[in-house]
Amino acid sequence: METDILMTVSQLPEALKQEVLHYAEFLAEKHKNTLVPDNPEKKRRAGTMKGMFVLPLPDDFDEPLEEFKEYMG
């Protein structure tokens, strides 16, 4: 995508290149809170799963679920 954009813009006269730049800056400012990098580094936060699991696990934890008995049969 970037290559296509650069090739297209490179063929424009200088005045239009300036307009493209202004428009790109306008879009970046307008959407600055919603823009996400292509490869965002997700940082882990401690405690986000607190209360999701109960320890110790129940004795039947490894037993097949009722819903899957017909597939296991």
PDB file of N, CA and C in Angstrom:
ATOM      1  N   MET A   1       0.834  -1.187   0.000  1.00  0.00           N
ATOM      2  CA  MET A   1       0.000   0.000   0.000  1.00  0.00           C
ATOM      3  C   MET A   1       0.881   1.254   0.000  1.00  0.00           C
ATOM      4  N   GLU A   2       1.897   1.280   0.870  1.00  0.00           N
ATOM      5  CA  GLU A   2       2.751   2.464   0.943  1.00  0.00           C
ATOM      6  C   GLU A   2       3.459   2.739  -0.386  1.00  0.00           C
ATOM      7  N   THR A   3       3.881   1.649  -1.046  1.00  0.00           N
ATOM      8  CA  THR A   3       4.562   1.806  -2.335  1.00  0.00           C
ATOM      9  C   THR A   3       3.629   2.423  -3.359  1.00  0.00           C
ATOM     10  N   ASP A   4       2.387   1.957  -3.398  1.00  0.00           N
ATOM     11  CA  ASP A   4       1.410   2.504  -4.341  1.00  0.00           C
ATOM     12  C   ASP A   4       1.161   3.986  -4.066  1.00  0.00           C
ATOM     13  N   ILE A   5       1.041   4.332  -2.801  1.00  0.00           N
ATOM     14  CA  ILE A   5       0.817   5.729  -2.430  1.00  0.00           C
ATOM     15  C   ILE A   5       2.001   6.585  -2.866  1.00  0.00           C
ATOM     16  N   LEU A   6       3.208   6.124  -2.547  1.00  0.00           N
ATOM     17  CA  LEU A   6       4.401   6.894  -2.901  1.00  0.00           C
ATOM     18  C   LEU A   6       4.557   7.044  -4.412  1.00  0.00           C
ATOM     19  N   MET A   7       4.270   5.988  -5.147  1.00  0.00           N
ATOM     20  CA  MET A   7       4.388   6.076  -6.606  1.00  0.00           C
ATOM     21  C   MET A   7       3.384   7.072  -7.173  1.00  0.00           C
ATOM     22  N   THR A   8       2.174   7.041  -6.664  1.00  0.00           N
ATOM     23  CA  THR A   8       1.140   7.956  -7.146  1.00  0.00           C
ATOM     24  C   THR A   8       1.493   9.396  -6.812  1.00  0.00           C
ATOM     25  N   VAL A   9       1.895   9.625  -5.561  1.00  0.00           N
ATOM     26  CA  VAL A   9       2.224  10.991  -5.134  1.00  0.00           C
ATOM     27  C   VAL A   9       3.451  11.512  -5.873  1.00  0.00           C
ATOM     28  N   SER A  10       4.407  10.649  -6.151  1.00  0.00           N
ATOM     29  CA  SER A  10       5.628  11.104  -6.826  1.00  0.00           C
ATOM     30  C   SER A  10       5.349  11.653  -8.226  1.00  0.00           C
ATOM     31  N   GLN A  11       4.231  11.266  -8.815  1.00  0.00           N
ATOM     32  CA  GLN A  11       3.888  11.729 -10.166  1.00  0.00           C
ATOM     33  C   GLN A  11       3.119  13.049 -10.156  1.00  0.00           C
ATOM     34  N   LEU A  12       2.755  13.537  -8.986  1.00  0.00           N
ATOM     35  CA  LEU A  12       1.984  14.775  -8.891  1.00  0.00           C
ATOM     36  C   LEU A  12       2.888  15.997  -8.939  1.00  0.00           C
ATOM     37  N   PRO A  13       2.351  17.132  -9.379  1.00  0.00           N
ATOM     38  CA  PRO A  13       3.102  18.389  -9.310  1.00  0.00           C
ATOM     39  C   PRO A  13       3.292  18.788  -7.837  1.00  0.00           C
ATOM     40  N   GLU A  14       4.268  19.619  -7.569  1.00  0.00           N
ATOM     41  CA  GLU A  14       4.613  20.010  -6.195  1.00  0.00           C
ATOM     42  C   GLU A  14       3.420  20.579  -5.427  1.00  0.00           C
ATOM     43  N   ALA A  15       2.608  21.384  -6.083  1.00  0.00           N
ATOM     44  CA  ALA A  15       1.458  21.989  -5.398  1.00  0.00           C
ATOM     45  C   ALA A  15       0.491  20.914  -4.897  1.00  0.00           C
ATOM     46  N   LEU A  16       0.269  19.894  -5.714  1.00  0.00           N
ATOM     47  CA  LEU A  16      -0.631  18.817  -5.293  1.00  0.00           C
ATOM     48  C   LEU A  16       0.010  17.939  -4.220  1.00  0.00           C
ATOM     49  N   LYS A  17       1.322  17.774  -4.285  1.00  0.00           N
ATOM     50  CA  LYS A  17       2.016  17.021  -3.227  1.00  0.00           C
ATOM     51  C   LYS A  17       1.804  17.708  -1.885  1.00  0.00           C
ATOM     52  N   GLN A  18       1.837  19.032  -1.890  1.00  0.00           N
ATOM     53  CA  GLN A  18       1.607  19.801  -0.662  1.00  0.00           C
ATOM     54  C   GLN A  18       0.186  19.564  -0.151  1.00  0.00           C
ATOM     55  N   GLU A  19      -0.786  19.520  -1.060  1.00  0.00           N
ATOM     56  CA  GLU A  19      -2.166  19.247  -0.648  1.00  0.00           C
ATOM     57  C   GLU A  19      -2.307  17.850  -0.053  1.00  0.00           C
ATOM     58  N   VAL A  20      -1.647  16.873  -0.671  1.00  0.00           N
ATOM     59  CA  VAL A  20      -1.680  15.504  -0.157  1.00  0.00           C
ATOM     60  C   VAL A  20      -1.099  15.459   1.249  1.00  0.00           C
ATOM     61  N   LEU A  21       0.016  16.151   1.446  1.00  0.00           N
ATOM     62  CA  LEU A  21       0.641  16.206   2.766  1.00  0.00           C
ATOM     63  C   LEU A  21      -0.309  16.814   3.790  1.00  0.00           C
ATOM     64  N   HIS A  22      -0.941  17.914   3.459  1.00  0.00           N
ATOM     65  CA  HIS A  22      -1.875  18.561   4.382  1.00  0.00           C
ATOM     66  C   HIS A  22      -3.055  17.637   4.711  1.00  0.00           C
ATOM     67  N   TYR A  23      -3.557  16.953   3.685  1.00  0.00           N
ATOM     68  CA  TYR A  23      -4.678  16.053   3.905  1.00  0.00           C
ATOM     69  C   TYR A  23      -4.270  14.870   4.791  1.00  0.00           C
ATOM     70  N   ALA A  24      -3.083  14.322   4.558  1.00  0.00           N
ATOM     71  CA  ALA A  24      -2.597  13.210   5.372  1.00  0.00           C
ATOM     72  C   ALA A  24      -2.420  13.655   6.826  1.00  0.00           C
ATOM     73  N   GLU A  25      -1.901  14.858   7.029  1.00  0.00           N
ATOM     74  CA  GLU A  25      -1.750  15.386   8.395  1.00  0.00           C
ATOM     75  C   GLU A  25      -3.120  15.591   9.037  1.00  0.00           C
ATOM     76  N   PHE A  26      -4.091  16.075   8.252  1.00  0.00           N
ATOM     77  CA  PHE A  26      -5.453  16.253   8.758  1.00  0.00           C
ATOM     78  C   PHE A  26      -6.047  14.916   9.198  1.00  0.00           C
ATOM     79  N   LEU A  27      -5.899  13.888   8.362  1.00  0.00           N
ATOM     80  CA  LEU A  27      -6.433  12.572   8.707  1.00  0.00           C
ATOM     81  C   LEU A  27      -5.753  11.999   9.947  1.00  0.00           C
ATOM     82  N   ALA A  28      -4.439  12.156  10.034  1.00  0.00           N
ATOM     83  CA  ALA A  28      -3.704  11.646  11.190  1.00  0.00           C
ATOM     84  C   ALA A  28      -4.184  12.327  12.470  1.00  0.00           C
ATOM     85  N   GLU A  29      -4.402  13.628  12.415  1.00  0.00           N
ATOM     86  CA  GLU A  29      -4.863  14.360  13.595  1.00  0.00           C
ATOM     87  C   GLU A  29      -6.299  13.962  13.952  1.00  0.00           C
ATOM     88  N   LYS A  30      -7.133  13.833  12.937  1.00  0.00           N
ATOM     89  CA  LYS A  30      -8.539  13.498  13.156  1.00  0.00           C
ATOM     90  C   LYS A  30      -8.701  12.114  13.788  1.00  0.00           C
ATOM     91  N   HIS A  31      -7.842  11.186  13.413  1.00  0.00           N
ATOM     92  CA  HIS A  31      -7.976   9.804  13.872  1.00  0.00           C
ATOM     93  C   HIS A  31      -6.864   9.385  14.827  1.00  0.00           C
ATOM     94  N   LYS A  32      -6.200  10.345  15.452  1.00  0.00           N
ATOM     95  CA  LYS A  32      -5.040  10.003  16.293  1.00  0.00           C
ATOM     96  C   LYS A  32      -5.404   9.094  17.455  1.00  0.00           C
ATOM     97  N   ASN A  33      -6.634   9.160  17.952  1.00  0.00           N
ATOM     98  CA  ASN A  33      -7.030   8.306  19.069  1.00  0.00           C
ATOM     99  C   ASN A  33      -7.434   6.910  18.625  1.00  0.00           C
ATOM    100  N   THR A  34      -7.703   6.740  17.333  1.00  0.00           N
ATOM    101  CA  THR A  34      -8.133   5.434  16.846  1.00  0.00           C
ATOM    102  C   THR A  34      -7.066   4.726  16.031  1.00  0.00           C
ATOM    103  N   LEU A  35      -5.972   5.418  15.704  1.00  0.00           N
ATOM    104  CA  LEU A  35      -4.917   4.788  14.918  1.00  0.00           C
ATOM    105  C   LEU A  35      -4.155   3.795  15.773  1.00  0.00           C
ATOM    106  N   VAL A  36      -3.951   2.600  15.216  1.00  0.00           N
ATOM    107  CA  VAL A  36      -3.205   1.552  15.911  1.00  0.00           C
ATOM    108  C   VAL A  36      -2.053   1.142  15.010  1.00  0.00           C
ATOM    109  N   PRO A  37      -0.843   1.036  15.551  1.00  0.00           N
ATOM    110  CA  PRO A  37       0.275   0.588  14.719  1.00  0.00           C
ATOM    111  C   PRO A  37       0.020  -0.825  14.188  1.00  0.00           C
ATOM    112  N   ASP A  38       0.688  -1.169  13.075  1.00  0.00           N
ATOM    113  CA  ASP A  38       0.520  -2.492  12.478  1.00  0.00           C
ATOM    114  C   ASP A  38       0.915  -3.605  13.443  1.00  0.00           C
ATOM    115  N   ASN A  39       1.974  -3.401  14.208  1.00  0.00           N
ATOM    116  CA  ASN A  39       2.450  -4.410  15.150  1.00  0.00           C
ATOM    117  C   ASN A  39       2.529  -3.828  16.549  1.00  0.00           C
ATOM    118  N   PRO A  40       1.383  -3.591  17.160  1.00  0.00           N
ATOM    119  CA  PRO A  40       1.450  -2.994  18.500  1.00  0.00           C
ATOM    120  C   PRO A  40       2.023  -3.993  19.498  1.00  0.00           C
ATOM    121  N   GLU A  41       2.852  -3.492  20.375  1.00  0.00           N
ATOM    122  CA  GLU A  41       3.382  -4.336  21.437  1.00  0.00           C
ATOM    123  C   GLU A  41       2.383  -4.313  22.572  1.00  0.00           C
ATOM    124  N   LYS A  42       1.788  -5.458  22.831  1.00  0.00           N
ATOM    125  CA  LYS A  42       0.821  -5.532  23.910  1.00  0.00           C
ATOM    126  C   LYS A  42       1.565  -5.817  25.199  1.00  0.00           C
ATOM    127  N   LYS A  43       1.362  -4.961  26.156  1.00  0.00           N
ATOM    128  CA  LYS A  43       1.999  -5.147  27.445  1.00  0.00           C
ATOM    129  C   LYS A  43       1.035  -5.881  28.354  1.00  0.00           C
ATOM    130  N   ARG A  44       1.566  -6.861  29.056  1.00  0.00           N
ATOM    131  CA  ARG A  44       0.746  -7.622  29.980  1.00  0.00           C
ATOM    132  C   ARG A  44       0.564  -6.852  31.271  1.00  0.00           C
ATOM    133  N   ARG A  45      -0.626  -6.983  31.811  1.00  0.00           N
ATOM    134  CA  ARG A  45      -0.905  -6.346  33.091  1.00  0.00           C
ATOM    135  C   ARG A  45      -1.230  -7.426  34.099  1.00  0.00           C
ATOM    136  N   ALA A  46      -0.564  -7.390  35.212  1.00  0.00           N
ATOM    137  CA  ALA A  46      -0.805  -8.372  36.258  1.00  0.00           C
ATOM    138  C   ALA A  46      -2.193  -8.193  36.850  1.00  0.00           C
ATOM    139  N   GLY A  47      -2.857  -9.314  37.143  1.00  0.00           N
ATOM    140  CA  GLY A  47      -4.126  -9.273  37.838  1.00  0.00           C
ATOM    141  C   GLY A  47      -5.351  -9.168  36.969  1.00  0.00           C
ATOM    142  N   THR A  48      -5.219  -9.174  35.649  1.00  0.00           N
ATOM    143  CA  THR A  48      -6.396  -9.012  34.799  1.00  0.00           C
ATOM    144  C   THR A  48      -7.294 -10.246  34.800  1.00  0.00           C
ATOM    145  N   MET A  49      -6.770 -11.400  35.173  1.00  0.00           N
ATOM    146  CA  MET A  49      -7.563 -12.629  35.209  1.00  0.00           C
ATOM    147  C   MET A  49      -7.954 -13.016  36.635  1.00  0.00           C
ATOM    148  N   LYS A  50      -7.710 -12.129  37.570  1.00  0.00           N
ATOM    149  CA  LYS A  50      -7.993 -12.434  38.968  1.00  0.00           C
ATOM    150  C   LYS A  50      -9.469 -12.801  39.145  1.00  0.00           C
ATOM    151  N   GLY A  51      -9.703 -13.910  39.840  1.00  0.00           N
ATOM    152  CA  GLY A  51     -11.052 -14.370  40.091  1.00  0.00           C
ATOM    153  C   GLY A  51     -11.637 -15.232  38.985  1.00  0.00           C
ATOM    154  N   MET A  52     -10.919 -15.409  37.881  1.00  0.00           N
ATOM    155  CA  MET A  52     -11.431 -16.201  36.764  1.00  0.00           C
ATOM    156  C   MET A  52     -11.267 -17.701  37.005  1.00  0.00           C
ATOM    157  N   PHE A  53     -10.309 -18.084  37.803  1.00  0.00           N
ATOM    158  CA  PHE A  53     -10.027 -19.486  38.058  1.00  0.00           C
ATOM    159  C   PHE A  53     -10.094 -19.735  39.555  1.00  0.00           C
ATOM    160  N   VAL A  54     -10.636 -20.862  39.895  1.00  0.00           N
ATOM    161  CA  VAL A  54     -10.755 -21.210  41.301  1.00  0.00           C
ATOM    162  C   VAL A  54      -9.797 -22.368  41.573  1.00  0.00           C
ATOM    163  N   LEU A  55      -8.922 -22.191  42.512  1.00  0.00           N
ATOM    164  CA  LEU A  55      -8.005 -23.256  42.912  1.00  0.00           C
ATOM    165  C   LEU A  55      -8.355 -23.697  44.306  1.00  0.00           C
ATOM    166  N   PRO A  56      -8.212 -24.911  44.676  1.00  0.00           N
ATOM    167  CA  PRO A  56      -7.760 -26.023  43.826  1.00  0.00           C
ATOM    168  C   PRO A  56      -8.842 -26.420  42.827  1.00  0.00           C
ATOM    169  N   LEU A  57      -8.404 -27.072  41.756  1.00  0.00           N
ATOM    170  CA  LEU A  57      -9.334 -27.515  40.722  1.00  0.00           C
ATOM    171  C   LEU A  57     -10.208 -28.640  41.250  1.00  0.00           C
ATOM    172  N   PRO A  58     -11.434 -28.750  40.755  1.00  0.00           N
ATOM    173  CA  PRO A  58     -12.302 -29.840  41.205  1.00  0.00           C
ATOM    174  C   PRO A  58     -11.739 -31.201  40.795  1.00  0.00           C
ATOM    175  N   ASP A  59     -12.137 -32.244  41.505  1.00  0.00           N
ATOM    176  CA  ASP A  59     -11.633 -33.594  41.236  1.00  0.00           C
ATOM    177  C   ASP A  59     -11.995 -34.071  39.833  1.00  0.00           C
ATOM    178  N   ASP A  60     -13.120 -33.641  39.287  1.00  0.00           N
ATOM    179  CA  ASP A  60     -13.551 -34.098  37.960  1.00  0.00           C
ATOM    180  C   ASP A  60     -13.096 -33.152  36.840  1.00  0.00           C
ATOM    181  N   PHE A  61     -12.069 -32.393  37.068  1.00  0.00           N
ATOM    182  CA  PHE A  61     -11.612 -31.403  36.090  1.00  0.00           C
ATOM    183  C   PHE A  61     -11.271 -32.039  34.745  1.00  0.00           C
ATOM    184  N   ASP A  62     -10.620 -33.213  34.757  1.00  0.00           N
ATOM    185  CA  ASP A  62     -10.180 -33.858  33.513  1.00  0.00           C
ATOM    186  C   ASP A  62     -11.240 -34.764  32.890  1.00  0.00           C
ATOM    187  N   GLU A  63     -12.391 -34.887  33.495  1.00  0.00           N
ATOM    188  CA  GLU A  63     -13.451 -35.732  32.952  1.00  0.00           C
ATOM    189  C   GLU A  63     -14.102 -35.046  31.752  1.00  0.00           C
ATOM    190  N   PRO A  64     -14.551 -35.845  30.756  1.00  0.00           N
ATOM    191  CA  PRO A  64     -15.208 -35.246  29.588  1.00  0.00           C
ATOM    192  C   PRO A  64     -16.496 -34.533  29.995  1.00  0.00           C
ATOM    193  N   LEU A  65     -16.808 -33.480  29.306  1.00  0.00           N
ATOM    194  CA  LEU A  65     -18.029 -32.731  29.563  1.00  0.00           C
ATOM    195  C   LEU A  65     -19.230 -33.485  28.988  1.00  0.00           C
ATOM    196  N   GLU A  66     -20.384 -33.319  29.621  1.00  0.00           N
ATOM    197  CA  GLU A  66     -21.613 -33.962  29.157  1.00  0.00           C
ATOM    198  C   GLU A  66     -21.898 -33.619  27.694  1.00  0.00           C
ATOM    199  N   GLU A  67     -21.652 -32.378  27.321  1.00  0.00           N
ATOM    200  CA  GLU A  67     -21.970 -31.912  25.973  1.00  0.00           C
ATOM    201  C   GLU A  67     -21.186 -32.661  24.900  1.00  0.00           C
ATOM    202  N   PHE A  68     -20.033 -33.255  25.253  1.00  0.00           N
ATOM    203  CA  PHE A  68     -19.180 -33.913  24.261  1.00  0.00           C
ATOM    204  C   PHE A  68     -19.245 -35.431  24.334  1.00  0.00           C
ATOM    205  N   LYS A  69     -20.093 -35.991  25.183  1.00  0.00           N
ATOM    206  CA  LYS A  69     -20.158 -37.452  25.350  1.00  0.00           C
ATOM    207  C   LYS A  69     -20.501 -38.136  24.026  1.00  0.00           C
ATOM    208  N   GLU A  70     -21.409 -37.547  23.223  1.00  0.00           N
ATOM    209  CA  GLU A  70     -21.787 -38.195  21.957  1.00  0.00           C
ATOM    210  C   GLU A  70     -20.621 -38.239  20.977  1.00  0.00           C
ATOM    211  N   TYR A  71     -19.696 -37.287  21.055  1.00  0.00           N
ATOM    212  CA  TYR A  71     -18.528 -37.284  20.171  1.00  0.00           C
ATOM    213  C   TYR A  71     -17.439 -38.226  20.667  1.00  0.00           C
ATOM    214  N   MET A  72     -17.407 -38.475  21.960  1.00  0.00           N
ATOM    215  CA  MET A  72     -16.371 -39.293  22.562  1.00  0.00           C
ATOM    216  C   MET A  72     -16.706 -40.772  22.464  1.00  0.00           C
ATOM    217  N   GLY A  73     -17.994 -41.082  22.263  1.00  0.00           N
ATOM    218  CA  GLY A  73     -18.540 -42.389  22.364  1.00  0.00           C
ATOM    219  C   GLY A  73     -18.040 -43.416  21.466  1.00  0.00           C
TER     220      GLY A  73
END
